[in-house]
Amino acid sequence: MHPVSGVTIGIIMSEDRLNLADLKAMTAKELLTIAEELEIENAS
């Protein structure tokens, strides 16, 4: 897993869901890292 602000995606995700407040607090680069890790198409 890629580190995102010192926290891994597995820790950010809770019960296979992402916390909206955590997403809003992230930078575009951090969000792109998560999208790539989750293999979301056309993330960039």
Protein backbone atom coordinates (compact mmCIF):
# COMPACT_ATOMS: atom_id res chain seq x y z
CA MET A 1 0.00 0.00 0.00
CA HIS A 2 1.09 3.56 -0.67
CA PRO A 3 1.55 5.85 2.31
CA VAL A 4 -0.74 8.88 2.26
CA SER A 5 0.23 11.57 4.77
CA GLY A 6 1.89 8.89 6.88
CA VAL A 7 -1.25 6.76 6.88
CA THR A 8 -1.85 3.77 4.64
CA ILE A 9 -5.01 3.41 2.58
CA GLY A 10 -6.03 0.42 4.69
CA ILE A 11 -6.15 2.61 7.76
CA ILE A 12 -8.04 5.41 5.99
CA MET A 13 -10.64 2.93 4.80
CA SER A 14 -13.05 1.79 7.46
CA GLU A 15 -15.25 -1.20 6.67
CA ASP A 16 -14.53 -0.76 2.91
CA ARG A 17 -15.68 2.86 3.03
CA LEU A 18 -13.79 6.12 2.89
CA ASN A 19 -14.62 8.83 5.40
CA LEU A 20 -15.80 11.94 3.51
CA ALA A 21 -14.19 14.30 6.02
CA ASP A 22 -10.84 12.55 5.47
CA LEU A 23 -11.21 12.84 1.70
CA LYS A 24 -12.01 16.56 1.92
CA ALA A 25 -8.89 17.13 4.01
CA MET A 26 -6.59 15.46 1.45
CA THR A 27 -4.66 17.15 -1.33
CA ALA A 28 -5.26 16.33 -4.98
CA LYS A 29 -1.99 14.38 -5.02
CA GLU A 30 -3.10 12.25 -2.06
CA LEU A 31 -6.47 11.56 -3.68
CA LEU A 32 -4.75 10.56 -6.92
CA THR A 33 -2.50 8.16 -4.99
CA ILE A 34 -5.55 6.50 -3.43
CA ALA A 35 -7.33 6.31 -6.79
CA GLU A 36 -4.30 4.66 -8.37
CA GLU A 37 -4.00 2.19 -5.48
CA LEU A 38 -7.68 1.28 -5.90
CA GLU A 39 -7.12 0.97 -9.68
CA ILE A 40 -9.81 3.53 -10.54
CA GLU A 41 -9.86 4.14 -14.29
CA ASN A 42 -9.12 7.66 -15.62
CA ALA A 43 -8.23 8.90 -12.15
CA SER A 44 -5.87 11.59 -13.38
